[in-house]
């Protein structure tokens, strides 16, 4: 049997029916998100909201958005908004998602979804009561190359999975990234960076049976470096994250019949290298590169709304809450706030 890749099943993001989006929190990731939607989808960004009317106005002018609101309440109450993209700091996701849900809006919440599993569960319960879509903006889960990974693992090409390894580290000093060094805003390596390798491990192995973690704290009161071993059955996942160094940001899955490696940055559109007894082959699956691929998560939410579904098969809410519970336990072991 020759080595090969299945075809990604992720649809072209331009196929999704358009929704009217409101942006809650006009920061850097929101800029990338709006640009991605404009370039690759039919989604329409119609409003932006900030606690500063001036900041909302500047963002609206830069991105040709019709309405700028000087409060989050005004944004979620805008009758022309179908779905709210929560792009505020992690420490505010819980509050802002509940605000949008109470207004009857569908909600896409940036990662990390919340600060704790308890907050996440409350958000999920509110969305189910309101009958709206709630989705974690873990954009990696919706990328074409990750669907290829799903198929290779699900089809048994790698055999029985033994080890998953993933890391995400960036050199982010308090001066360069003050939000990530603020406990009040949900900073720290784990919630902002470590969620990527943890979500990847959950995708491949599911909920861990046991967790062993170690870490270091920054003088600012957030976790600066964390490593963890997650065991599920006989398989192990090894994940690392840090704010103090630029790490390889790669991932690999090793099984009894083969190995799959994902090049840097594994959580973005990236090259896959598949090695089995039949040989080795590399392929780039994604045609949309870099942060422009944020369009896939928006298109996926639009498909859910169009189909009348309230939960994603690619990232179910129960899994989002479970990943938050894993981070809770890691932070407990490392004694993070």
C-alpha atoms as a PDB file:
ATOM      1  CA  UNK A   1       0.000   0.000   0.000  1.00  0.00           C
ATOM      2  CA  UNK A   2       1.474   3.364  -1.043  1.00  0.00           C
ATOM      3  CA  UNK A   3       1.699   6.342   1.264  1.00  0.00           C
ATOM      4  CA  UNK A   4      -0.911   9.006   0.531  1.00  0.00           C
ATOM      5  CA  UNK A   5      -3.224  11.669   1.888  1.00  0.00           C
ATOM      6  CA  UNK A   6      -7.022  11.746   1.872  1.00  0.00           C
ATOM      7  CA  UNK A   7      -8.799  14.795   0.477  1.00  0.00           C
ATOM      8  CA  UNK A   8      -9.879  17.399   3.026  1.00  0.00           C
ATOM      9  CA  UNK A   9     -13.647  17.571   3.498  1.00  0.00           C
ATOM     10  CA  UNK A  10     -13.660  21.188   4.714  1.00  0.00           C
ATOM     11  CA  UNK A  11     -15.811  23.232   2.297  1.00  0.00           C
ATOM     12  CA  UNK A  12     -14.679  26.407   0.601  1.00  0.00           C
ATOM     13  CA  UNK A  13     -15.461  29.208   3.092  1.00  0.00           C
ATOM     14  CA  UNK A  14     -17.036  31.269   0.333  1.00  0.00           C
ATOM     15  CA  UNK A  15     -19.855  28.685   0.107  1.00  0.00           C
ATOM     16  CA  UNK A  16     -21.286  29.539   3.530  1.00  0.00           C
ATOM     17  CA  UNK A  17     -24.435  31.663   3.506  1.00  0.00           C
ATOM     18  CA  UNK A  18     -23.727  35.199   4.754  1.00  0.00           C
ATOM     19  CA  UNK A  19     -24.474  36.272   8.300  1.00  0.00           C
ATOM     20  CA  UNK A  20     -24.272  39.780   9.720  1.00  0.00           C
ATOM     21  CA  UNK A  21     -21.405  39.948  12.216  1.00  0.00           C
ATOM     22  CA  UNK A  22     -20.713  42.269  15.096  1.00  0.00           C
ATOM     23  CA  UNK A  23     -17.179  42.565  16.494  1.00  0.00           C
ATOM     24  CA  UNK A  24     -16.915  42.821  20.292  1.00  0.00           C
ATOM     25  CA  UNK A  25     -13.415  44.039  21.108  1.00  0.00           C
ATOM     26  CA  UNK A  26     -11.542  45.794  18.260  1.00  0.00           C
ATOM     27  CA  UNK A  27      -8.036  44.424  18.925  1.00  0.00           C
ATOM     28  CA  UNK A  28      -5.371  42.769  16.814  1.00  0.00           C
ATOM     29  CA  UNK A  29      -7.060  39.399  16.375  1.00  0.00           C
ATOM     30  CA  UNK A  30     -10.300  41.166  15.416  1.00  0.00           C
ATOM     31  CA  UNK A  31      -8.454  43.021  12.661  1.00  0.00           C
ATOM     32  CA  UNK A  32      -7.115  39.754  11.242  1.00  0.00           C
ATOM     33  CA  UNK A  33     -10.563  38.149  11.524  1.00  0.00           C
ATOM     34  CA  UNK A  34     -12.349  40.945   9.674  1.00  0.00           C
ATOM     35  CA  UNK A  35      -9.732  40.975   6.927  1.00  0.00           C
ATOM     36  CA  UNK A  36     -10.015  37.186   6.514  1.00  0.00           C
ATOM     37  CA  UNK A  37     -13.801  37.361   6.187  1.00  0.00           C
ATOM     38  CA  UNK A  38     -13.589  40.144   3.615  1.00  0.00           C
ATOM     39  CA  UNK A  39     -11.083  38.255   1.481  1.00  0.00           C
ATOM     40  CA  UNK A  40     -12.432  34.702   1.559  1.00  0.00           C
ATOM     41  CA  UNK A  41     -16.125  34.656   2.560  1.00  0.00           C
ATOM     42  CA  UNK A  42     -19.521  36.215   1.933  1.00  0.00           C
ATOM     43  CA  UNK A  43     -19.892  37.013   5.643  1.00  0.00           C
ATOM     44  CA  UNK A  44     -20.693  40.666   6.370  1.00  0.00           C
ATOM     45  CA  UNK A  45     -19.261  42.620   9.302  1.00  0.00           C
ATOM     46  CA  UNK A  46     -21.887  45.281   9.981  1.00  0.00           C
ATOM     47  CA  UNK A  47     -20.957  46.628  13.425  1.00  0.00           C
ATOM     48  CA  UNK A  48     -18.181  46.908  15.982  1.00  0.00           C
ATOM     49  CA  UNK A  49     -18.412  47.639  19.695  1.00  0.00           C
ATOM     50  CA  UNK A  50     -15.902  48.860  22.252  1.00  0.00           C
ATOM     51  CA  UNK A  51     -15.959  50.545  25.643  1.00  0.00           C
ATOM     52  CA  UNK A  52     -14.401  53.479  23.765  1.00  0.00           C
ATOM     53  CA  UNK A  53     -16.532  55.105  21.075  1.00  0.00           C
ATOM     54  CA  UNK A  54     -13.370  56.598  19.587  1.00  0.00           C
ATOM     55  CA  UNK A  55     -11.697  53.185  19.329  1.00  0.00           C
ATOM     56  CA  UNK A  56     -14.795  51.597  17.813  1.00  0.00           C
ATOM     57  CA  UNK A  57     -15.040  54.446  15.312  1.00  0.00           C
ATOM     58  CA  UNK A  58     -11.420  54.118  14.250  1.00  0.00           C
ATOM     59  CA  UNK A  59     -11.814  50.352  13.744  1.00  0.00           C
ATOM     60  CA  UNK A  60     -15.008  50.858  11.741  1.00  0.00           C
ATOM     61  CA  UNK A  61     -13.374  53.454   9.514  1.00  0.00           C
ATOM     62  CA  UNK A  62     -10.338  51.236   8.887  1.00  0.00           C
ATOM     63  CA  UNK A  63     -12.482  48.256   7.859  1.00  0.00           C
ATOM     64  CA  UNK A  64     -15.409  49.977   6.148  1.00  0.00           C
ATOM     65  CA  UNK A  65     -17.893  48.893   8.844  1.00  0.00           C
ATOM     66  CA  UNK A  66     -21.160  50.825   8.879  1.00  0.00           C
ATOM     67  CA  UNK A  67     -21.813  51.160  12.594  1.00  0.00           C
ATOM     68  CA  UNK A  68     -19.559  51.747  15.589  1.00  0.00           C
ATOM     69  CA  UNK A  69     -20.953  51.347  19.110  1.00  0.00           C
ATOM     70  CA  UNK A  70     -19.421  52.917  22.198  1.00  0.00           C
ATOM     71  CA  UNK A  71     -20.501  50.056  24.455  1.00  0.00           C
ATOM     72  CA  UNK A  72     -20.748  46.274  24.288  1.00  0.00           C
ATOM     73  CA  UNK A  73     -24.403  46.469  25.310  1.00  0.00           C
ATOM     74  CA  UNK A  74     -25.215  48.606  22.275  1.00  0.00           C
ATOM     75  CA  UNK A  75     -23.416  46.168  19.998  1.00  0.00           C
ATOM     76  CA  UNK A  76     -25.266  43.053  21.173  1.00  0.00           C
ATOM     77  CA  UNK A  77     -28.593  44.920  21.086  1.00  0.00           C
ATOM     78  CA  UNK A  78     -28.046  45.998  17.468  1.00  0.00           C
ATOM     79  CA  UNK A  79     -30.983  44.421  15.565  1.00  0.00           C
ATOM     80  CA  UNK A  80     -28.891  44.075  12.392  1.00  0.00           C
ATOM     81  CA  UNK A  81     -26.329  41.809  14.079  1.00  0.00           C
ATOM     82  CA  UNK A  82     -26.887  38.037  13.749  1.00  0.00           C
ATOM     83  CA  UNK A  83     -23.696  36.800  15.401  1.00  0.00           C
ATOM     84  CA  UNK A  84     -21.169  38.339  17.791  1.00  0.00           C
ATOM     85  CA  UNK A  85     -17.457  37.609  17.614  1.00  0.00           C
ATOM     86  CA  UNK A  86     -16.083  37.970  21.148  1.00  0.00           C
ATOM     87  CA  UNK A  87     -12.483  39.129  20.746  1.00  0.00           C
ATOM     88  CA  UNK A  88     -11.962  40.728  24.160  1.00  0.00           C
ATOM     89  CA  UNK A  89      -9.263  39.450  26.582  1.00  0.00           C
ATOM     90  CA  UNK A  90      -9.749  35.930  27.951  1.00  0.00           C
ATOM     91  CA  UNK A  91     -10.659  37.162  31.412  1.00  0.00           C
ATOM     92  CA  UNK A  92     -13.725  38.899  29.926  1.00  0.00           C
ATOM     93  CA  UNK A  93     -14.991  36.139  27.605  1.00  0.00           C
ATOM     94  CA  UNK A  94     -17.445  34.746  30.138  1.00  0.00           C
ATOM     95  CA  UNK A  95     -19.092  38.114  30.776  1.00  0.00           C
ATOM     96  CA  UNK A  96     -19.220  39.157  27.143  1.00  0.00           C
ATOM     97  CA  UNK A  97     -20.431  35.826  25.781  1.00  0.00           C
ATOM     98  CA  UNK A  98     -23.280  35.785  28.308  1.00  0.00           C
ATOM     99  CA  UNK A  99     -24.137  39.362  27.306  1.00  0.00           C
ATOM    100  CA  UNK A 100     -24.426  38.385  23.628  1.00  0.00           C
ATOM    101  CA  UNK A 101     -26.327  35.172  24.380  1.00  0.00           C
ATOM    102  CA  UNK A 102     -28.849  37.081  26.518  1.00  0.00           C
ATOM    103  CA  UNK A 103     -29.449  39.330  23.505  1.00  0.00           C
ATOM    104  CA  UNK A 104     -30.298  36.257  21.419  1.00  0.00           C
ATOM    105  CA  UNK A 105     -27.178  36.368  19.267  1.00  0.00           C
ATOM    106  CA  UNK A 106     -25.101  33.460  17.993  1.00  0.00           C
ATOM    107  CA  UNK A 107     -21.590  33.745  19.465  1.00  0.00           C
ATOM    108  CA  UNK A 108     -18.056  32.888  18.359  1.00  0.00           C
ATOM    109  CA  UNK A 109     -15.732  33.200  21.376  1.00  0.00           C
ATOM    110  CA  UNK A 110     -11.991  33.571  20.985  1.00  0.00           C
ATOM    111  CA  UNK A 111      -9.763  31.020  22.664  1.00  0.00           C
ATOM    112  CA  UNK A 112      -9.261  30.375  25.444  1.00  0.00           C
ATOM    113  CA  UNK A 113     -13.017  30.013  25.691  1.00  0.00           C
ATOM    114  CA  UNK A 114     -13.029  31.152  29.328  1.00  0.00           C
ATOM    115  CA  UNK A 115     -10.831  31.123  32.417  1.00  0.00           C
ATOM    116  CA  UNK A 116     -12.281  27.964  33.987  1.00  0.00           C
ATOM    117  CA  UNK A 117     -14.451  24.962  33.171  1.00  0.00           C
ATOM    118  CA  UNK A 118     -17.153  26.344  35.481  1.00  0.00           C
ATOM    119  CA  UNK A 119     -17.346  29.547  33.443  1.00  0.00           C
ATOM    120  CA  UNK A 120     -17.412  27.514  30.229  1.00  0.00           C
ATOM    121  CA  UNK A 121     -20.245  25.301  31.492  1.00  0.00           C
ATOM    122  CA  UNK A 122     -22.300  28.368  32.425  1.00  0.00           C
ATOM    123  CA  UNK A 123     -21.813  29.806  28.931  1.00  0.00           C
ATOM    124  CA  UNK A 124     -22.875  26.504  27.341  1.00  0.00           C
ATOM    125  CA  UNK A 125     -25.978  26.235  29.526  1.00  0.00           C
ATOM    126  CA  UNK A 126     -27.006  29.792  28.639  1.00  0.00           C
ATOM    127  CA  UNK A 127     -26.587  29.144  24.905  1.00  0.00           C
ATOM    128  CA  UNK A 128     -28.678  25.987  25.070  1.00  0.00           C
ATOM    129  CA  UNK A 129     -31.438  27.788  26.932  1.00  0.00           C
ATOM    130  CA  UNK A 130     -31.382  30.642  24.402  1.00  0.00           C
ATOM    131  CA  UNK A 131     -31.212  28.201  21.455  1.00  0.00           C
ATOM    132  CA  UNK A 132     -28.236  29.938  19.816  1.00  0.00           C
ATOM    133  CA  UNK A 133     -24.968  28.673  18.381  1.00  0.00           C
ATOM    134  CA  UNK A 134     -21.992  29.011  20.711  1.00  0.00           C
ATOM    135  CA  UNK A 135     -18.593  28.072  19.307  1.00  0.00           C
ATOM    136  CA  UNK A 136     -15.014  28.335  20.516  1.00  0.00           C
ATOM    137  CA  UNK A 137     -12.818  30.153  17.998  1.00  0.00           C
ATOM    138  CA  UNK A 138     -10.123  27.480  18.114  1.00  0.00           C
ATOM    139  CA  UNK A 139      -9.441  28.122  14.449  1.00  0.00           C
ATOM    140  CA  UNK A 140      -7.096  25.140  14.110  1.00  0.00           C
ATOM    141  CA  UNK A 141     -10.006  22.687  14.402  1.00  0.00           C
ATOM    142  CA  UNK A 142     -11.652  24.032  11.245  1.00  0.00           C
ATOM    143  CA  UNK A 143      -8.614  24.058   8.924  1.00  0.00           C
ATOM    144  CA  UNK A 144      -8.341  21.706   5.921  1.00  0.00           C
ATOM    145  CA  UNK A 145      -5.069  20.100   7.009  1.00  0.00           C
ATOM    146  CA  UNK A 146      -6.533  19.179  10.397  1.00  0.00           C
ATOM    147  CA  UNK A 147      -9.397  17.384   8.658  1.00  0.00           C
ATOM    148  CA  UNK A 148      -6.760  15.333   6.830  1.00  0.00           C
ATOM    149  CA  UNK A 149      -5.196  14.544  10.224  1.00  0.00           C
ATOM    150  CA  UNK A 150      -8.615  13.415  11.502  1.00  0.00           C
ATOM    151  CA  UNK A 151      -9.030  11.046   8.569  1.00  0.00           C
ATOM    152  CA  UNK A 152      -5.558   9.542   8.818  1.00  0.00           C
ATOM    153  CA  UNK A 153      -6.047   8.816  12.517  1.00  0.00           C
ATOM    154  CA  UNK A 154      -9.645   7.649  12.122  1.00  0.00           C
ATOM    155  CA  UNK A 155      -8.801   5.353   9.201  1.00  0.00           C
ATOM    156  CA  UNK A 156      -6.043   3.663  11.213  1.00  0.00           C
ATOM    157  CA  UNK A 157      -3.227   4.696   8.869  1.00  0.00           C
ATOM    158  CA  UNK A 158      -0.982   5.357  11.887  1.00  0.00           C
ATOM    159  CA  UNK A 159      -2.078   2.220  13.709  1.00  0.00           C
ATOM    160  CA  UNK A 160      -2.676   2.407  17.438  1.00  0.00           C
ATOM    161  CA  UNK A 161      -1.670   5.876  18.635  1.00  0.00           C
ATOM    162  CA  UNK A 162       1.107   5.848  21.210  1.00  0.00           C
ATOM    163  CA  UNK A 163       2.389   9.409  21.544  1.00  0.00           C
ATOM    164  CA  UNK A 164       1.225  12.914  20.702  1.00  0.00           C
ATOM    165  CA  UNK A 165       3.736  15.752  21.061  1.00  0.00           C
ATOM    166  CA  UNK A 166       2.942  19.443  20.591  1.00  0.00           C
ATOM    167  CA  UNK A 167       4.396  22.741  21.760  1.00  0.00           C
ATOM    168  CA  UNK A 168       3.678  26.443  21.536  1.00  0.00           C
ATOM    169  CA  UNK A 169       6.102  28.990  22.914  1.00  0.00           C
ATOM    170  CA  UNK A 170       6.621  32.654  22.108  1.00  0.00           C
ATOM    171  CA  UNK A 171       8.957  35.257  23.574  1.00  0.00           C
ATOM    172  CA  UNK A 172       6.391  37.663  25.005  1.00  0.00           C
ATOM    173  CA  UNK A 173       7.714  40.062  27.629  1.00  0.00           C
ATOM    174  CA  UNK A 174       5.504  42.200  29.885  1.00  0.00           C
ATOM    175  CA  UNK A 175       6.450  45.248  27.817  1.00  0.00           C
ATOM    176  CA  UNK A 176       5.618  43.600  24.493  1.00  0.00           C
ATOM    177  CA  UNK A 177       2.460  41.799  25.628  1.00  0.00           C
ATOM    178  CA  UNK A 178       1.080  43.343  28.840  1.00  0.00           C
ATOM    179  CA  UNK A 179      -2.284  41.554  28.511  1.00  0.00           C
ATOM    180  CA  UNK A 180      -0.589  38.148  28.656  1.00  0.00           C
ATOM    181  CA  UNK A 181       1.113  39.133  31.918  1.00  0.00           C
ATOM    182  CA  UNK A 182      -2.107  40.298  33.588  1.00  0.00           C
ATOM    183  CA  UNK A 183      -3.846  37.757  35.857  1.00  0.00           C
ATOM    184  CA  UNK A 184      -7.010  39.879  35.798  1.00  0.00           C
ATOM    185  CA  UNK A 185      -7.235  39.660  31.996  1.00  0.00           C
ATOM    186  CA  UNK A 186      -6.680  35.902  31.918  1.00  0.00           C
ATOM    187  CA  UNK A 187      -3.026  36.079  30.920  1.00  0.00           C
ATOM    188  CA  UNK A 188      -0.378  33.400  31.158  1.00  0.00           C
ATOM    189  CA  UNK A 189       1.189  30.903  28.809  1.00  0.00           C
ATOM    190  CA  UNK A 190      -1.373  28.141  29.319  1.00  0.00           C
ATOM    191  CA  UNK A 191      -4.601  30.031  28.552  1.00  0.00           C
ATOM    192  CA  UNK A 192      -3.229  31.962  25.595  1.00  0.00           C
ATOM    193  CA  UNK A 193      -0.663  29.640  23.994  1.00  0.00           C
ATOM    194  CA  UNK A 194      -0.935  26.259  25.694  1.00  0.00           C
ATOM    195  CA  UNK A 195      -4.561  25.880  24.666  1.00  0.00           C
ATOM    196  CA  UNK A 196      -3.343  25.061  21.134  1.00  0.00           C
ATOM    197  CA  UNK A 197      -1.299  21.949  21.956  1.00  0.00           C
ATOM    198  CA  UNK A 198      -3.877  20.895  24.567  1.00  0.00           C
ATOM    199  CA  UNK A 199      -6.709  21.158  22.075  1.00  0.00           C
ATOM    200  CA  UNK A 200      -4.639  19.203  19.552  1.00  0.00           C
ATOM    201  CA  UNK A 201      -3.989  16.449  22.099  1.00  0.00           C
ATOM    202  CA  UNK A 202      -7.701  16.326  22.907  1.00  0.00           C
ATOM    203  CA  UNK A 203      -8.528  16.003  19.218  1.00  0.00           C
ATOM    204  CA  UNK A 204      -6.334  12.915  18.888  1.00  0.00           C
ATOM    205  CA  UNK A 205      -6.655  11.212  22.279  1.00  0.00           C
ATOM    206  CA  UNK A 206      -9.789  12.629  23.873  1.00  0.00           C
ATOM    207  CA  UNK A 207     -10.146  13.399  27.576  1.00  0.00           C
ATOM    208  CA  UNK A 208      -7.068  12.363  29.572  1.00  0.00           C
ATOM    209  CA  UNK A 209      -7.314   9.756  32.336  1.00  0.00           C
ATOM    210  CA  UNK A 210      -4.493  11.393  34.266  1.00  0.00           C
ATOM    211  CA  UNK A 211      -2.441  14.584  34.138  1.00  0.00           C
ATOM    212  CA  UNK A 212       1.044  15.346  35.445  1.00  0.00           C
ATOM    213  CA  UNK A 213       2.139  18.976  35.148  1.00  0.00           C
ATOM    214  CA  UNK A 214       5.009  21.232  36.162  1.00  0.00           C
ATOM    215  CA  UNK A 215       5.519  24.932  35.616  1.00  0.00           C
ATOM    216  CA  UNK A 216       7.152  28.232  36.421  1.00  0.00           C
ATOM    217  CA  UNK A 217       5.562  31.528  37.412  1.00  0.00           C
ATOM    218  CA  UNK A 218       6.456  34.990  36.135  1.00  0.00           C
ATOM    219  CA  UNK A 219       6.976  37.902  38.519  1.00  0.00           C
ATOM    220  CA  UNK A 220       3.788  39.396  37.064  1.00  0.00           C
ATOM    221  CA  UNK A 221       1.732  36.605  38.675  1.00  0.00           C
ATOM    222  CA  UNK A 222       0.948  34.507  35.599  1.00  0.00           C
ATOM    223  CA  UNK A 223       2.331  31.137  34.526  1.00  0.00           C
ATOM    224  CA  UNK A 224       5.322  31.639  32.235  1.00  0.00           C
ATOM    225  CA  UNK A 225       6.211  28.029  31.368  1.00  0.00           C
ATOM    226  CA  UNK A 226       4.187  24.832  31.682  1.00  0.00           C
ATOM    227  CA  UNK A 227       4.795  21.242  30.611  1.00  0.00           C
ATOM    228  CA  UNK A 228       2.316  18.412  31.024  1.00  0.00           C
ATOM    229  CA  UNK A 229       1.992  14.708  30.311  1.00  0.00           C
ATOM    230  CA  UNK A 230      -1.567  13.592  29.601  1.00  0.00           C
ATOM    231  CA  UNK A 231      -2.298   9.859  29.652  1.00  0.00           C
ATOM    232  CA  UNK A 232      -5.312   8.357  27.906  1.00  0.00           C
ATOM    233  CA  UNK A 233      -5.351   4.570  28.108  1.00  0.00           C
ATOM    234  CA  UNK A 234      -1.891   3.516  27.012  1.00  0.00           C
ATOM    235  CA  UNK A 235      -1.238   6.645  24.951  1.00  0.00           C
ATOM    236  CA  UNK A 236       0.623   9.715  26.159  1.00  0.00           C
ATOM    237  CA  UNK A 237       0.459  13.342  25.059  1.00  0.00           C
ATOM    238  CA  UNK A 238       3.367  15.635  25.926  1.00  0.00           C
ATOM    239  CA  UNK A 239       2.589  19.349  25.679  1.00  0.00           C
ATOM    240  CA  UNK A 240       4.711  22.386  26.483  1.00  0.00           C
ATOM    241  CA  UNK A 241       4.076  26.119  26.429  1.00  0.00           C
ATOM    242  CA  UNK A 242       6.037  29.194  27.428  1.00  0.00           C
ATOM    243  CA  UNK A 243       6.081  32.988  27.253  1.00  0.00           C
ATOM    244  CA  UNK A 244       9.876  33.054  27.579  1.00  0.00           C
ATOM    245  CA  UNK A 245      11.159  31.526  24.314  1.00  0.00           C
ATOM    246  CA  UNK A 246      10.191  30.911  20.685  1.00  0.00           C
ATOM    247  CA  UNK A 247       9.801  27.139  20.483  1.00  0.00           C
ATOM    248  CA  UNK A 248       9.477  24.992  17.322  1.00  0.00           C
ATOM    249  CA  UNK A 249       5.630  25.085  17.453  1.00  0.00           C
ATOM    250  CA  UNK A 250       5.375  21.713  15.762  1.00  0.00           C
ATOM    251  CA  UNK A 251       3.267  18.630  16.465  1.00  0.00           C
ATOM    252  CA  UNK A 252       3.531  14.908  15.822  1.00  0.00           C
ATOM    253  CA  UNK A 253       1.385  11.797  16.196  1.00  0.00           C
ATOM    254  CA  UNK A 254       3.172   8.460  16.448  1.00  0.00           C
ATOM    255  CA  UNK A 255       1.435   5.120  16.175  1.00  0.00           C
ATOM    256  CA  UNK A 256       2.294   1.461  15.751  1.00  0.00           C
ATOM    257  CA  UNK A 257       2.035   1.756  11.943  1.00  0.00           C
ATOM    258  CA  UNK A 258       3.344   5.224  11.202  1.00  0.00           C
ATOM    259  CA  UNK A 259       4.062   8.798  12.178  1.00  0.00           C
ATOM    260  CA  UNK A 260       2.475  12.087  11.156  1.00  0.00           C
ATOM    261  CA  UNK A 261       4.372  15.338  11.648  1.00  0.00           C
ATOM    262  CA  UNK A 262       2.914  18.815  11.322  1.00  0.00           C
ATOM    263  CA  UNK A 263       5.402  21.573  10.530  1.00  0.00           C
ATOM    264  CA  UNK A 264       5.526  24.988  12.170  1.00  0.00           C
ATOM    265  CA  UNK A 265       3.266  26.549  13.022  1.00  0.00           C
ATOM    266  CA  UNK A 266       1.178  23.406  13.462  1.00  0.00           C
ATOM    267  CA  UNK A 267      -1.929  25.290  14.616  1.00  0.00           C
ATOM    268  CA  UNK A 268      -1.988  27.352  11.386  1.00  0.00           C
ATOM    269  CA  UNK A 269      -2.193  26.045   7.801  1.00  0.00           C
ATOM    270  CA  UNK A 270       0.938  23.887   7.711  1.00  0.00           C
ATOM    271  CA  UNK A 271       2.730  21.094   5.867  1.00  0.00           C
ATOM    272  CA  UNK A 272       2.066  17.467   6.793  1.00  0.00           C
ATOM    273  CA  UNK A 273       4.700  14.735   6.632  1.00  0.00           C
ATOM    274  CA  UNK A 274       3.397  11.154   6.744  1.00  0.00           C
ATOM    275  CA  UNK A 275       5.847   8.301   7.322  1.00  0.00           C
ATOM    276  CA  UNK A 276       4.847   4.624   7.217  1.00  0.00           C
ATOM    277  CA  UNK A 277       6.557   1.370   6.268  1.00  0.00           C
ATOM    278  CA  UNK A 278       5.746   2.227   2.647  1.00  0.00           C
ATOM    279  CA  UNK A 279       7.797   5.420   2.756  1.00  0.00           C
ATOM    280  CA  UNK A 280       7.432   9.096   3.505  1.00  0.00           C
ATOM    281  CA  UNK A 281       5.520  11.863   1.744  1.00  0.00           C
ATOM    282  CA  UNK A 282       4.941  15.548   2.483  1.00  0.00           C
ATOM    283  CA  UNK A 283       2.067  17.748   1.394  1.00  0.00           C
ATOM    284  CA  UNK A 284       0.645  21.205   1.948  1.00  0.00           C
ATOM    285  CA  UNK A 285      -3.118  20.837   2.190  1.00  0.00           C
ATOM    286  CA  UNK A 286      -4.284  24.395   2.796  1.00  0.00           C
ATOM    287  CA  UNK A 287      -4.631  26.905  -0.016  1.00  0.00           C
ATOM    288  CA  UNK A 288      -5.414  29.777   2.377  1.00  0.00           C
ATOM    289  CA  UNK A 289      -2.401  30.653   4.484  1.00  0.00           C
ATOM    290  CA  UNK A 290      -1.648  32.429   7.753  1.00  0.00           C
ATOM    291  CA  UNK A 291      -4.307  34.345   9.637  1.00  0.00           C
ATOM    292  CA  UNK A 292      -6.418  34.578   6.506  1.00  0.00           C
ATOM    293  CA  UNK A 293      -7.492  31.045   7.484  1.00  0.00           C
ATOM    294  CA  UNK A 294      -9.519  32.530  10.348  1.00  0.00           C
ATOM    295  CA  UNK A 295     -12.254  32.579   7.706  1.00  0.00           C
ATOM    296  CA  UNK A 296     -12.872  28.835   8.155  1.00  0.00           C
ATOM    297  CA  UNK A 297     -14.241  29.130  11.698  1.00  0.00           C
ATOM    298  CA  UNK A 298     -16.667  31.857  10.662  1.00  0.00           C
ATOM    299  CA  UNK A 299     -17.831  29.833   7.665  1.00  0.00           C
ATOM    300  CA  UNK A 300     -18.320  26.777   9.888  1.00  0.00           C
ATOM    301  CA  UNK A 301     -20.514  28.739  12.301  1.00  0.00           C
ATOM    302  CA  UNK A 302     -22.528  30.062   9.356  1.00  0.00           C
ATOM    303  CA  UNK A 303     -23.064  26.498   8.117  1.00  0.00           C
ATOM    304  CA  UNK A 304     -24.316  25.476  11.585  1.00  0.00           C
ATOM    305  CA  UNK A 305     -26.833  28.330  11.596  1.00  0.00           C
ATOM    306  CA  UNK A 306     -27.981  27.545   8.048  1.00  0.00           C
ATOM    307  CA  UNK A 307     -28.485  23.862   8.933  1.00  0.00           C
ATOM    308  CA  UNK A 308     -30.310  24.643  12.179  1.00  0.00           C
ATOM    309  CA  UNK A 309     -27.613  22.957  14.272  1.00  0.00           C
ATOM    310  CA  UNK A 310     -26.561  24.271  17.661  1.00  0.00           C
ATOM    311  CA  UNK A 311     -23.337  22.320  18.244  1.00  0.00           C
ATOM    312  CA  UNK A 312     -20.288  21.697  16.092  1.00  0.00           C
ATOM    313  CA  UNK A 313     -19.201  18.176  15.120  1.00  0.00           C
ATOM    314  CA  UNK A 314     -15.651  19.509  14.705  1.00  0.00           C
ATOM    315  CA  UNK A 315     -15.461  21.039  18.183  1.00  0.00           C
ATOM    316  CA  UNK A 316     -18.441  20.044  20.359  1.00  0.00           C
ATOM    317  CA  UNK A 317     -19.160  22.216  23.368  1.00  0.00           C
ATOM    318  CA  UNK A 318     -18.651  19.263  25.715  1.00  0.00           C
ATOM    319  CA  UNK A 319     -15.101  19.015  24.384  1.00  0.00           C
ATOM    320  CA  UNK A 320     -14.478  22.728  24.844  1.00  0.00           C
ATOM    321  CA  UNK A 321     -15.580  22.427  28.484  1.00  0.00           C
ATOM    322  CA  UNK A 322     -13.413  19.311  28.883  1.00  0.00           C
ATOM    323  CA  UNK A 323     -10.330  21.121  27.602  1.00  0.00           C
ATOM    324  CA  UNK A 324     -10.993  23.900  30.095  1.00  0.00           C
ATOM    325  CA  UNK A 325     -11.214  21.238  32.840  1.00  0.00           C
ATOM    326  CA  UNK A 326      -7.834  19.877  31.745  1.00  0.00           C
ATOM    327  CA  UNK A 327      -6.373  23.374  32.021  1.00  0.00           C
ATOM    328  CA  UNK A 328      -7.992  23.780  35.443  1.00  0.00           C
ATOM    329  CA  UNK A 329      -6.153  20.682  36.678  1.00  0.00           C
ATOM    330  CA  UNK A 330      -2.851  21.745  35.148  1.00  0.00           C
ATOM    331  CA  UNK A 331      -3.140  25.170  36.740  1.00  0.00           C
ATOM    332  CA  UNK A 332      -4.053  23.566  40.073  1.00  0.00           C
ATOM    333  CA  UNK A 333      -0.915  21.441  39.984  1.00  0.00           C
ATOM    334  CA  UNK A 334       1.235  24.421  39.037  1.00  0.00           C
ATOM    335  CA  UNK A 335      -0.563  26.585  41.645  1.00  0.00           C
ATOM    336  CA  UNK A 336      -1.732  29.247  39.209  1.00  0.00           C
ATOM    337  CA  UNK A 337      -4.343  31.634  40.713  1.00  0.00           C
END
